[in-house]
N, C-alpha and C. Protein backbone atom coordinates (compact mmCIF):
# COMPACT_ATOMS: atom_id res chain seq x y z
N MET A 1 194.42 -67.60 -34.36
CA MET A 1 195.69 -67.76 -33.63
C MET A 1 195.58 -69.02 -32.76
N LEU A 2 196.59 -69.87 -32.79
CA LEU A 2 196.61 -71.07 -32.00
C LEU A 2 196.92 -70.74 -30.55
N LEU A 3 196.34 -71.54 -29.62
CA LEU A 3 196.56 -71.28 -28.19
C LEU A 3 198.03 -71.41 -27.81
N LYS A 4 198.75 -72.28 -28.52
CA LYS A 4 200.15 -72.48 -28.15
C LYS A 4 201.00 -71.25 -28.43
N ASN A 5 200.49 -70.32 -29.26
CA ASN A 5 201.22 -69.09 -29.56
C ASN A 5 200.87 -67.96 -28.60
N LEU A 6 199.89 -68.20 -27.72
CA LEU A 6 199.52 -67.18 -26.74
C LEU A 6 200.37 -67.31 -25.50
N PRO A 7 200.67 -66.19 -24.84
CA PRO A 7 201.38 -66.27 -23.56
C PRO A 7 200.50 -66.97 -22.52
N LEU A 8 201.15 -67.55 -21.50
CA LEU A 8 200.44 -68.32 -20.47
C LEU A 8 199.40 -67.47 -19.76
N SER A 9 199.71 -66.20 -19.50
CA SER A 9 198.78 -65.33 -18.79
C SER A 9 197.49 -65.13 -19.59
N ALA A 10 197.58 -65.04 -20.92
CA ALA A 10 196.40 -64.86 -21.76
C ALA A 10 195.54 -66.11 -21.76
N ILE A 11 196.19 -67.29 -21.79
CA ILE A 11 195.45 -68.54 -21.76
C ILE A 11 194.70 -68.68 -20.44
N LEU A 12 195.34 -68.33 -19.33
CA LEU A 12 194.68 -68.39 -18.02
C LEU A 12 193.49 -67.44 -17.96
N LEU A 13 193.63 -66.26 -18.55
CA LEU A 13 192.54 -65.28 -18.56
C LEU A 13 191.35 -65.81 -19.35
N LEU A 14 191.60 -66.41 -20.51
CA LEU A 14 190.53 -66.99 -21.31
C LEU A 14 189.81 -68.10 -20.55
N PHE A 15 190.58 -68.92 -19.83
CA PHE A 15 190.00 -70.02 -19.07
C PHE A 15 189.09 -69.50 -17.96
N ILE A 16 189.53 -68.44 -17.26
CA ILE A 16 188.74 -67.86 -16.16
C ILE A 16 187.45 -67.27 -16.70
N VAL A 17 187.52 -66.58 -17.83
CA VAL A 17 186.32 -65.99 -18.43
C VAL A 17 185.33 -67.07 -18.83
N PHE A 18 185.85 -68.18 -19.41
CA PHE A 18 184.98 -69.29 -19.83
C PHE A 18 184.28 -69.91 -18.63
N ILE A 19 185.02 -70.17 -17.56
CA ILE A 19 184.43 -70.78 -16.36
C ILE A 19 183.39 -69.86 -15.74
N SER A 20 183.69 -68.55 -15.71
CA SER A 20 182.76 -67.60 -15.11
C SER A 20 181.46 -67.53 -15.89
N SER A 21 181.56 -67.55 -17.21
CA SER A 21 180.35 -67.47 -18.03
C SER A 21 179.49 -68.71 -17.88
N CYS A 22 180.12 -69.87 -17.72
CA CYS A 22 179.36 -71.10 -17.52
C CYS A 22 178.68 -71.10 -16.17
N GLY A 23 179.36 -70.62 -15.14
CA GLY A 23 178.81 -70.63 -13.79
C GLY A 23 177.71 -69.62 -13.59
N SER A 24 177.63 -68.60 -14.44
CA SER A 24 176.64 -67.55 -14.25
C SER A 24 175.30 -67.87 -14.92
N THR A 25 175.25 -69.00 -15.66
CA THR A 25 174.01 -69.37 -16.34
C THR A 25 172.99 -69.87 -15.32
N GLU A 26 171.79 -69.26 -15.32
CA GLU A 26 170.73 -69.66 -14.42
C GLU A 26 169.55 -70.20 -15.22
N GLU A 27 168.90 -71.19 -14.64
CA GLU A 27 167.74 -71.78 -15.29
C GLU A 27 166.60 -70.77 -15.30
N GLU A 28 165.96 -70.62 -16.43
CA GLU A 28 164.82 -69.71 -16.56
C GLU A 28 163.52 -70.48 -16.36
N PRO A 29 162.56 -69.88 -15.65
CA PRO A 29 161.27 -70.54 -15.48
C PRO A 29 160.59 -70.77 -16.83
N LYS A 30 159.96 -71.94 -16.97
CA LYS A 30 159.36 -72.31 -18.25
C LYS A 30 157.84 -72.20 -18.25
N ASN A 31 157.24 -71.94 -17.08
CA ASN A 31 155.79 -71.89 -16.95
C ASN A 31 155.13 -73.16 -17.51
N SER A 32 155.74 -74.29 -17.13
CA SER A 32 155.23 -75.60 -17.53
C SER A 32 155.84 -76.65 -16.61
N PHE A 33 155.36 -77.89 -16.74
CA PHE A 33 155.97 -79.00 -16.01
C PHE A 33 155.83 -80.27 -16.85
N THR A 34 156.66 -81.24 -16.52
CA THR A 34 156.64 -82.53 -17.20
C THR A 34 156.24 -83.60 -16.21
N TYR A 35 155.29 -84.44 -16.62
CA TYR A 35 154.84 -85.56 -15.79
C TYR A 35 154.48 -86.72 -16.70
N ASN A 36 155.02 -87.89 -16.38
CA ASN A 36 154.71 -89.11 -17.13
C ASN A 36 154.95 -88.92 -18.64
N ASN A 37 156.08 -88.31 -18.97
CA ASN A 37 156.51 -88.08 -20.36
C ASN A 37 155.60 -87.12 -21.13
N THR A 38 154.81 -86.34 -20.40
CA THR A 38 153.94 -85.34 -21.03
C THR A 38 154.24 -83.97 -20.44
N THR A 39 154.33 -82.95 -21.30
CA THR A 39 154.55 -81.59 -20.84
C THR A 39 153.23 -80.83 -20.79
N TYR A 40 152.97 -80.22 -19.64
CA TYR A 40 151.74 -79.46 -19.41
C TYR A 40 152.09 -77.97 -19.27
N VAL A 41 151.36 -77.12 -19.96
CA VAL A 41 151.55 -75.67 -19.86
C VAL A 41 150.78 -75.15 -18.64
N ILE A 42 151.38 -74.18 -17.93
CA ILE A 42 150.70 -73.50 -16.83
C ILE A 42 150.15 -72.17 -17.35
N ASN A 43 148.82 -72.04 -17.37
CA ASN A 43 148.18 -70.83 -17.89
C ASN A 43 147.69 -69.88 -16.81
N ASP A 44 147.40 -70.42 -15.62
CA ASP A 44 146.82 -69.59 -14.57
C ASP A 44 147.35 -70.07 -13.23
N ALA A 45 147.44 -69.14 -12.28
CA ALA A 45 148.00 -69.48 -10.97
C ALA A 45 147.32 -68.64 -9.89
N PHE A 46 147.23 -69.21 -8.70
CA PHE A 46 146.63 -68.46 -7.59
C PHE A 46 147.36 -68.75 -6.29
N ILE A 47 147.18 -67.86 -5.32
CA ILE A 47 147.64 -68.04 -3.95
C ILE A 47 146.45 -67.81 -3.04
N GLN A 48 146.23 -68.74 -2.10
CA GLN A 48 145.25 -68.51 -1.04
C GLN A 48 146.00 -68.41 0.27
N ASP A 49 145.80 -67.28 0.96
CA ASP A 49 146.50 -67.01 2.21
C ASP A 49 145.66 -67.51 3.37
N PHE A 50 146.14 -68.56 4.04
CA PHE A 50 145.42 -69.14 5.17
C PHE A 50 145.87 -68.56 6.51
N GLY A 51 146.89 -67.72 6.50
CA GLY A 51 147.31 -67.07 7.74
C GLY A 51 148.26 -67.88 8.58
N ASP A 52 148.33 -67.54 9.87
CA ASP A 52 149.29 -68.13 10.80
C ASP A 52 148.71 -69.34 11.52
N TYR A 53 149.61 -70.30 11.83
CA TYR A 53 149.22 -71.51 12.55
C TYR A 53 150.26 -71.86 13.60
N ASP A 54 149.77 -72.45 14.70
CA ASP A 54 150.65 -73.03 15.70
C ASP A 54 150.73 -74.53 15.41
N LEU A 55 151.88 -74.98 14.90
CA LEU A 55 152.02 -76.37 14.48
C LEU A 55 152.77 -77.24 15.48
N ILE A 56 153.33 -76.63 16.52
CA ILE A 56 154.17 -77.37 17.45
C ILE A 56 153.35 -77.81 18.66
N ASP A 57 153.44 -79.10 18.99
CA ASP A 57 152.71 -79.66 20.12
C ASP A 57 153.52 -79.44 21.40
N ASP A 58 153.35 -78.27 22.01
CA ASP A 58 154.03 -77.97 23.27
C ASP A 58 153.05 -77.23 24.18
N GLN A 59 153.54 -76.70 25.26
CA GLN A 59 152.70 -76.02 26.24
C GLN A 59 152.52 -74.53 25.93
N VAL A 60 153.09 -74.07 24.83
CA VAL A 60 153.06 -72.66 24.49
C VAL A 60 152.09 -72.44 23.33
N SER A 61 151.17 -71.49 23.50
CA SER A 61 150.25 -71.12 22.43
C SER A 61 150.89 -69.99 21.62
N GLU A 62 151.56 -70.39 20.54
CA GLU A 62 152.32 -69.42 19.74
C GLU A 62 152.32 -69.86 18.28
N ASN A 63 151.93 -68.95 17.40
CA ASN A 63 151.94 -69.29 15.98
C ASN A 63 153.37 -69.50 15.50
N THR A 64 153.58 -70.56 14.72
CA THR A 64 154.93 -70.92 14.29
C THR A 64 155.12 -70.84 12.78
N HIS A 65 154.03 -70.95 12.00
CA HIS A 65 154.16 -70.98 10.53
C HIS A 65 153.03 -70.20 9.87
N HIS A 66 153.33 -69.77 8.63
CA HIS A 66 152.33 -69.09 7.81
C HIS A 66 152.07 -69.96 6.58
N LEU A 67 150.78 -70.18 6.25
CA LEU A 67 150.40 -71.10 5.19
C LEU A 67 149.91 -70.36 3.96
N TYR A 68 150.56 -70.66 2.83
CA TYR A 68 150.09 -70.26 1.51
C TYR A 68 149.75 -71.52 0.72
N LEU A 69 148.59 -71.50 0.07
CA LEU A 69 148.27 -72.53 -0.91
C LEU A 69 148.56 -71.97 -2.29
N PHE A 70 149.54 -72.56 -2.98
CA PHE A 70 149.86 -72.20 -4.36
C PHE A 70 149.12 -73.17 -5.29
N GLY A 71 148.45 -72.63 -6.31
CA GLY A 71 147.72 -73.47 -7.25
C GLY A 71 148.03 -73.10 -8.69
N PHE A 72 148.06 -74.13 -9.55
CA PHE A 72 148.36 -73.94 -10.98
C PHE A 72 147.38 -74.76 -11.82
N THR A 73 147.11 -74.29 -13.03
CA THR A 73 146.28 -75.04 -13.96
C THR A 73 146.56 -74.59 -15.39
N ASP A 74 146.18 -75.44 -16.34
CA ASP A 74 146.26 -75.04 -17.74
C ASP A 74 144.93 -74.45 -18.22
N GLY A 75 143.95 -74.40 -17.31
CA GLY A 75 142.67 -73.76 -17.60
C GLY A 75 142.59 -72.40 -16.93
N SER A 76 141.45 -72.14 -16.29
CA SER A 76 141.24 -70.88 -15.58
C SER A 76 140.86 -71.17 -14.14
N ILE A 77 141.50 -70.50 -13.19
CA ILE A 77 141.20 -70.67 -11.78
C ILE A 77 139.80 -70.15 -11.48
N VAL A 78 139.05 -70.93 -10.69
CA VAL A 78 137.71 -70.55 -10.27
C VAL A 78 137.64 -70.62 -8.75
N THR A 79 137.11 -69.58 -8.10
CA THR A 79 137.12 -69.54 -6.64
C THR A 79 135.73 -69.59 -6.01
N ASN A 80 134.69 -69.40 -6.80
CA ASN A 80 133.35 -69.33 -6.22
C ASN A 80 132.48 -70.52 -6.60
N GLU A 81 133.10 -71.63 -6.99
CA GLU A 81 132.38 -72.84 -7.35
C GLU A 81 132.95 -74.02 -6.56
N GLN A 82 132.36 -75.18 -6.76
CA GLN A 82 132.84 -76.38 -6.08
C GLN A 82 134.11 -76.92 -6.73
N TYR A 83 134.39 -76.51 -7.94
CA TYR A 83 135.59 -76.98 -8.63
C TYR A 83 136.69 -75.91 -8.56
N ILE A 84 137.94 -76.34 -8.83
CA ILE A 84 139.10 -75.47 -8.73
C ILE A 84 139.36 -74.74 -10.03
N SER A 85 139.19 -75.45 -11.14
CA SER A 85 139.57 -74.93 -12.45
C SER A 85 138.55 -75.36 -13.50
N GLU A 86 138.38 -74.52 -14.52
CA GLU A 86 137.53 -74.88 -15.66
C GLU A 86 138.35 -74.77 -16.94
N ASN A 87 137.92 -75.54 -17.93
CA ASN A 87 138.62 -75.59 -19.23
C ASN A 87 140.07 -76.04 -19.06
N GLY A 88 140.29 -76.94 -18.11
CA GLY A 88 141.65 -77.41 -17.84
C GLY A 88 141.71 -78.93 -17.81
N SER A 89 142.95 -79.44 -17.78
CA SER A 89 143.16 -80.89 -17.69
C SER A 89 143.80 -81.29 -16.37
N TYR A 90 144.21 -80.32 -15.55
CA TYR A 90 144.87 -80.63 -14.28
C TYR A 90 144.83 -79.40 -13.37
N ALA A 91 145.17 -79.65 -12.11
CA ALA A 91 145.51 -78.58 -11.15
C ALA A 91 146.61 -79.11 -10.26
N ILE A 92 147.57 -78.26 -9.90
CA ILE A 92 148.58 -78.58 -8.89
C ILE A 92 148.27 -77.76 -7.66
N LEU A 93 148.29 -78.42 -6.49
CA LEU A 93 148.02 -77.75 -5.23
C LEU A 93 149.20 -77.97 -4.29
N LEU A 94 149.79 -76.87 -3.80
CA LEU A 94 150.95 -76.92 -2.91
C LEU A 94 150.63 -76.17 -1.62
N TYR A 95 150.41 -76.92 -0.54
CA TYR A 95 150.19 -76.31 0.77
C TYR A 95 151.55 -76.07 1.42
N SER A 96 151.98 -74.81 1.40
CA SER A 96 153.37 -74.46 1.75
C SER A 96 153.41 -73.67 3.05
N TYR A 97 154.21 -74.16 4.00
CA TYR A 97 154.33 -73.55 5.33
C TYR A 97 155.72 -72.93 5.50
N SER A 98 155.76 -71.63 5.77
CA SER A 98 157.04 -70.97 6.07
C SER A 98 157.07 -70.61 7.55
N PRO A 99 158.24 -70.78 8.19
CA PRO A 99 158.33 -70.45 9.62
C PRO A 99 158.23 -68.96 9.86
N ILE A 100 157.61 -68.60 10.97
CA ILE A 100 157.50 -67.20 11.37
C ILE A 100 158.72 -66.84 12.22
N ASN A 101 159.38 -65.73 11.89
CA ASN A 101 160.50 -65.27 12.70
C ASN A 101 160.44 -63.75 12.83
N VAL A 102 161.35 -63.21 13.59
CA VAL A 102 161.29 -61.77 13.92
C VAL A 102 161.59 -60.90 12.71
N ASP A 103 162.21 -61.46 11.69
CA ASP A 103 162.60 -60.66 10.52
C ASP A 103 161.53 -60.60 9.45
N THR A 104 160.53 -61.49 9.52
CA THR A 104 159.51 -61.52 8.47
C THR A 104 158.12 -61.53 9.08
N ALA A 105 157.20 -60.89 8.40
CA ALA A 105 155.80 -60.94 8.78
C ALA A 105 155.04 -61.66 7.68
N GLY A 106 154.30 -62.71 8.03
CA GLY A 106 153.57 -63.47 7.03
C GLY A 106 154.44 -64.50 6.34
N PHE A 107 154.10 -64.81 5.13
CA PHE A 107 154.79 -65.85 4.37
C PHE A 107 156.15 -65.35 3.88
N SER A 108 157.14 -66.23 3.89
CA SER A 108 158.47 -65.85 3.43
C SER A 108 159.02 -66.88 2.46
N GLU A 109 159.88 -66.43 1.56
CA GLU A 109 160.45 -67.30 0.53
C GLU A 109 161.48 -68.23 1.13
N GLY A 110 161.73 -69.34 0.42
CA GLY A 110 162.70 -70.31 0.90
C GLY A 110 162.65 -71.58 0.08
N VAL A 111 163.40 -72.58 0.52
CA VAL A 111 163.40 -73.90 -0.10
C VAL A 111 162.54 -74.82 0.75
N PHE A 112 161.44 -75.31 0.18
CA PHE A 112 160.44 -76.08 0.90
C PHE A 112 160.59 -77.56 0.57
N LYS A 113 160.64 -78.40 1.60
CA LYS A 113 160.76 -79.84 1.41
C LYS A 113 159.46 -80.53 1.80
N CYS A 114 159.17 -81.62 1.13
CA CYS A 114 157.94 -82.37 1.40
C CYS A 114 158.03 -83.05 2.77
N THR A 115 156.96 -82.89 3.55
CA THR A 115 156.87 -83.52 4.87
C THR A 115 155.66 -84.44 4.89
N SER A 116 155.81 -85.62 5.46
CA SER A 116 154.71 -86.57 5.50
C SER A 116 153.61 -86.06 6.43
N LEU A 117 152.38 -86.54 6.19
CA LEU A 117 151.27 -86.16 7.05
C LEU A 117 151.49 -86.64 8.48
N GLN A 118 152.15 -87.78 8.64
CA GLN A 118 152.43 -88.30 9.98
C GLN A 118 153.32 -87.33 10.75
N ASP A 119 154.38 -86.85 10.10
CA ASP A 119 155.26 -85.89 10.77
C ASP A 119 154.55 -84.57 11.02
N PHE A 120 153.70 -84.18 10.07
CA PHE A 120 152.97 -82.92 10.21
C PHE A 120 152.05 -82.95 11.43
N TYR A 121 151.28 -84.02 11.56
CA TYR A 121 150.32 -84.11 12.65
C TYR A 121 150.97 -84.43 13.99
N SER A 122 152.22 -84.86 13.97
CA SER A 122 152.90 -85.16 15.24
C SER A 122 153.22 -83.90 16.04
N GLY A 123 153.27 -82.75 15.34
CA GLY A 123 153.60 -81.50 16.03
C GLY A 123 155.01 -81.47 16.56
N SER A 124 155.92 -82.14 15.87
CA SER A 124 157.30 -82.26 16.33
C SER A 124 158.01 -80.90 16.40
N GLU A 125 158.84 -80.75 17.40
CA GLU A 125 159.65 -79.54 17.55
C GLU A 125 160.57 -79.34 16.35
N GLU A 126 160.90 -80.43 15.66
CA GLU A 126 161.79 -80.34 14.51
C GLU A 126 161.19 -79.52 13.37
N LEU A 127 159.87 -79.34 13.36
CA LEU A 127 159.23 -78.57 12.31
C LEU A 127 159.31 -77.06 12.53
N ARG A 128 159.69 -76.63 13.72
CA ARG A 128 159.58 -75.23 14.10
C ARG A 128 160.25 -74.29 13.10
N ASP A 129 161.45 -74.58 12.67
CA ASP A 129 162.19 -73.70 11.76
C ASP A 129 162.22 -74.21 10.33
N GLU A 130 161.36 -75.18 10.03
CA GLU A 130 161.40 -75.81 8.71
C GLU A 130 160.47 -75.11 7.71
N TYR A 131 160.96 -75.00 6.47
CA TYR A 131 160.12 -74.65 5.32
C TYR A 131 159.67 -75.97 4.71
N PHE A 132 158.36 -76.19 4.62
CA PHE A 132 157.90 -77.48 4.12
C PHE A 132 156.53 -77.35 3.46
N PHE A 133 156.18 -78.38 2.69
CA PHE A 133 154.83 -78.51 2.14
C PHE A 133 154.33 -79.92 2.43
N THR A 134 153.01 -80.05 2.54
CA THR A 134 152.42 -81.35 2.81
C THR A 134 151.00 -81.37 2.28
N PHE A 135 150.40 -82.56 2.22
CA PHE A 135 149.02 -82.72 1.72
C PHE A 135 148.86 -82.05 0.36
N SER A 136 149.89 -82.19 -0.48
CA SER A 136 149.91 -81.51 -1.78
C SER A 136 149.83 -82.55 -2.89
N SER A 137 149.32 -82.12 -4.06
CA SER A 137 149.02 -83.13 -5.08
C SER A 137 148.88 -82.54 -6.47
N LEU A 138 148.93 -83.43 -7.44
CA LEU A 138 148.54 -83.18 -8.82
C LEU A 138 147.15 -83.79 -9.00
N VAL A 139 146.20 -82.98 -9.44
CA VAL A 139 144.83 -83.47 -9.66
C VAL A 139 144.56 -83.45 -11.16
N LEU A 140 144.31 -84.62 -11.73
CA LEU A 140 144.05 -84.76 -13.16
C LEU A 140 142.55 -84.86 -13.42
N ASP A 141 142.12 -84.34 -14.55
CA ASP A 141 140.72 -84.37 -14.95
C ASP A 141 140.34 -85.82 -15.33
N ALA A 142 139.63 -86.50 -14.44
CA ALA A 142 139.38 -87.93 -14.62
C ALA A 142 138.41 -88.22 -15.75
N ASN A 143 137.42 -87.35 -15.96
CA ASN A 143 136.39 -87.64 -16.98
C ASN A 143 136.45 -86.70 -18.18
N ASN A 144 137.53 -85.92 -18.25
CA ASN A 144 137.75 -85.03 -19.41
C ASN A 144 136.61 -84.05 -19.66
N ASP A 145 136.01 -83.55 -18.55
CA ASP A 145 134.94 -82.57 -18.72
C ASP A 145 135.44 -81.13 -18.61
N GLY A 146 136.76 -80.98 -18.33
CA GLY A 146 137.33 -79.64 -18.25
C GLY A 146 137.23 -78.99 -16.89
N PHE A 147 136.54 -79.65 -15.94
CA PHE A 147 136.39 -79.13 -14.58
C PHE A 147 137.23 -79.96 -13.61
N ILE A 148 138.03 -79.29 -12.77
CA ILE A 148 138.90 -79.99 -11.84
C ILE A 148 138.31 -79.89 -10.44
N TYR A 149 137.89 -81.05 -9.90
CA TYR A 149 137.33 -81.14 -8.56
C TYR A 149 138.34 -81.81 -7.63
N LEU A 150 138.33 -81.43 -6.36
CA LEU A 150 139.21 -82.09 -5.39
C LEU A 150 138.74 -83.50 -5.09
N ASP A 151 137.43 -83.71 -5.02
CA ASP A 151 136.89 -84.99 -4.56
C ASP A 151 136.64 -85.99 -5.68
N ASN A 152 136.21 -85.50 -6.85
CA ASN A 152 135.74 -86.41 -7.89
C ASN A 152 136.77 -86.71 -8.97
N ASP A 153 137.93 -86.06 -8.93
CA ASP A 153 138.92 -86.28 -9.97
C ASP A 153 140.09 -87.10 -9.44
N ASP A 154 141.08 -87.32 -10.28
CA ASP A 154 142.20 -88.23 -10.01
C ASP A 154 143.31 -87.46 -9.30
N SER A 155 143.33 -87.54 -7.95
CA SER A 155 144.31 -86.82 -7.15
C SER A 155 145.51 -87.71 -6.86
N ARG A 156 146.71 -87.22 -7.18
CA ARG A 156 147.94 -87.99 -7.00
C ARG A 156 148.88 -87.23 -6.05
N GLN A 157 149.06 -87.80 -4.86
CA GLN A 157 149.81 -87.13 -3.80
C GLN A 157 151.31 -87.08 -4.11
N PHE A 158 151.96 -85.99 -3.66
CA PHE A 158 153.41 -85.89 -3.73
C PHE A 158 153.98 -86.59 -2.50
N ASN A 159 154.85 -87.58 -2.72
CA ASN A 159 155.43 -88.34 -1.61
C ASN A 159 156.73 -87.72 -1.10
N SER A 160 157.44 -87.04 -1.98
CA SER A 160 158.67 -86.35 -1.60
C SER A 160 158.95 -85.30 -2.67
N GLY A 161 159.92 -84.43 -2.39
CA GLY A 161 160.26 -83.41 -3.37
C GLY A 161 160.70 -82.11 -2.73
N VAL A 162 161.03 -81.16 -3.59
CA VAL A 162 161.53 -79.85 -3.16
C VAL A 162 160.90 -78.78 -4.03
N VAL A 163 160.52 -77.66 -3.40
CA VAL A 163 160.03 -76.49 -4.12
C VAL A 163 160.83 -75.28 -3.68
N ASN A 164 161.44 -74.60 -4.63
CA ASN A 164 162.16 -73.36 -4.36
C ASN A 164 161.23 -72.19 -4.67
N ILE A 165 160.85 -71.43 -3.64
CA ILE A 165 159.89 -70.34 -3.79
C ILE A 165 160.58 -69.02 -3.50
N ALA A 166 160.51 -68.09 -4.46
CA ALA A 166 161.11 -66.77 -4.29
C ALA A 166 160.11 -65.72 -4.75
N GLY A 167 160.02 -64.62 -4.00
CA GLY A 167 159.12 -63.55 -4.39
C GLY A 167 158.39 -62.97 -3.20
N ALA A 168 157.41 -62.10 -3.47
CA ALA A 168 156.64 -61.45 -2.42
C ALA A 168 155.36 -60.91 -3.03
N ASP A 169 154.44 -60.50 -2.14
CA ASP A 169 153.14 -59.96 -2.56
C ASP A 169 152.43 -61.00 -3.44
N SER A 170 152.15 -60.67 -4.70
CA SER A 170 151.45 -61.62 -5.57
C SER A 170 152.32 -62.07 -6.74
N THR A 171 153.62 -61.77 -6.70
CA THR A 171 154.53 -62.17 -7.77
C THR A 171 155.58 -63.12 -7.21
N PHE A 172 155.61 -64.34 -7.76
CA PHE A 172 156.53 -65.36 -7.25
C PHE A 172 157.14 -66.15 -8.41
N GLN A 173 158.26 -66.77 -8.08
CA GLN A 173 158.94 -67.69 -8.99
C GLN A 173 159.13 -69.00 -8.25
N LEU A 174 158.69 -70.10 -8.86
CA LEU A 174 158.79 -71.41 -8.24
C LEU A 174 159.47 -72.39 -9.17
N PHE A 175 160.39 -73.16 -8.62
CA PHE A 175 160.97 -74.32 -9.29
C PHE A 175 160.61 -75.54 -8.43
N PHE A 176 160.05 -76.58 -9.03
CA PHE A 176 159.61 -77.71 -8.23
C PHE A 176 159.98 -79.03 -8.89
N ARG A 177 160.28 -79.99 -8.03
CA ARG A 177 160.63 -81.35 -8.46
C ARG A 177 160.02 -82.32 -7.46
N MET A 178 159.09 -83.16 -7.93
CA MET A 178 158.31 -84.02 -7.03
C MET A 178 158.45 -85.49 -7.40
N ASP A 179 158.29 -86.32 -6.37
CA ASP A 179 158.20 -87.76 -6.57
C ASP A 179 156.79 -88.21 -6.18
N LEU A 180 156.19 -89.04 -7.04
CA LEU A 180 154.87 -89.59 -6.79
C LEU A 180 154.96 -91.11 -6.74
N SER A 181 153.83 -91.76 -6.57
CA SER A 181 153.81 -93.22 -6.49
C SER A 181 154.22 -93.84 -7.83
N PHE A 182 154.63 -95.12 -7.74
CA PHE A 182 155.00 -95.94 -8.91
C PHE A 182 156.17 -95.33 -9.69
N GLY A 183 157.06 -94.61 -9.00
CA GLY A 183 158.25 -94.07 -9.64
C GLY A 183 158.01 -92.88 -10.54
N LYS A 184 156.81 -92.31 -10.51
CA LYS A 184 156.51 -91.15 -11.35
C LYS A 184 157.16 -89.90 -10.76
N LYS A 185 157.56 -88.99 -11.67
CA LYS A 185 158.19 -87.75 -11.25
C LYS A 185 157.51 -86.57 -11.95
N LEU A 186 157.55 -85.42 -11.28
CA LEU A 186 156.99 -84.18 -11.82
C LEU A 186 158.04 -83.10 -11.66
N ASP A 187 158.36 -82.41 -12.75
CA ASP A 187 159.45 -81.44 -12.75
C ASP A 187 159.01 -80.21 -13.53
N GLY A 188 159.06 -79.01 -12.91
CA GLY A 188 158.62 -77.83 -13.63
C GLY A 188 158.94 -76.53 -12.92
N SER A 189 158.42 -75.44 -13.48
CA SER A 189 158.70 -74.11 -12.93
C SER A 189 157.64 -73.12 -13.39
N PHE A 190 157.52 -72.04 -12.63
CA PHE A 190 156.57 -70.98 -12.99
C PHE A 190 157.08 -69.66 -12.43
N SER A 191 156.90 -68.60 -13.19
CA SER A 191 157.23 -67.24 -12.74
C SER A 191 156.17 -66.29 -13.25
N GLY A 192 155.61 -65.46 -12.35
CA GLY A 192 154.62 -64.50 -12.80
C GLY A 192 153.72 -64.04 -11.68
N ASP A 193 152.61 -63.44 -12.06
CA ASP A 193 151.64 -62.92 -11.10
C ASP A 193 150.60 -63.98 -10.76
N PHE A 194 150.24 -64.03 -9.51
CA PHE A 194 149.24 -64.96 -9.01
C PHE A 194 147.97 -64.19 -8.63
N GLN A 195 146.81 -64.78 -8.92
CA GLN A 195 145.59 -64.27 -8.30
C GLN A 195 145.72 -64.51 -6.80
N PHE A 196 145.39 -63.51 -6.01
CA PHE A 196 145.63 -63.60 -4.57
C PHE A 196 144.30 -63.56 -3.82
N PHE A 197 144.11 -64.54 -2.94
CA PHE A 197 142.88 -64.62 -2.15
C PHE A 197 143.23 -64.82 -0.69
N ASN A 198 142.48 -64.16 0.19
CA ASN A 198 142.57 -64.45 1.62
C ASN A 198 141.62 -65.57 1.95
N GLN A 199 141.82 -66.15 3.12
CA GLN A 199 141.02 -67.31 3.53
C GLN A 199 139.54 -66.93 3.57
């Protein structure tokens, strides 16, 4: 049946249904990321809970943020060695700070923006209610030995970007988009269970 033969009310109804279906589409986590025209699979993930910190330089001794380190690799996470991952080609490390408030205890979900180390160490009052990450990086296996070290491998700092973190306990969903040096970008997502470690 041609649209011109339908009454106006039916055409409007079809249009509303079409718009609603398009607007309800949500991006699904891919458990991978793209960097420098290469797609990397995320096989393992961990969270290290560093607890509460007072980040504001004022006269009050009061914890303001809770720190989670989120880590990803295409190998296997290792916690009792000098290296982060084995049988892998990379690790992503995200030091993520969520503000402490009366409604939440510990780490809370939110949209985290990259903050420079200079702003972080300044202890600015502007950080008090901010969700942010800093000192975070992509670490590539420099010598292709399958072991990812913080000191001996190729660490590439995130200069700016956004991470959307949702979840609780040891199950989280993350969407991230980062800018690195020389115009490089990193774009990816992960959803699933994390190995969970306390400090």
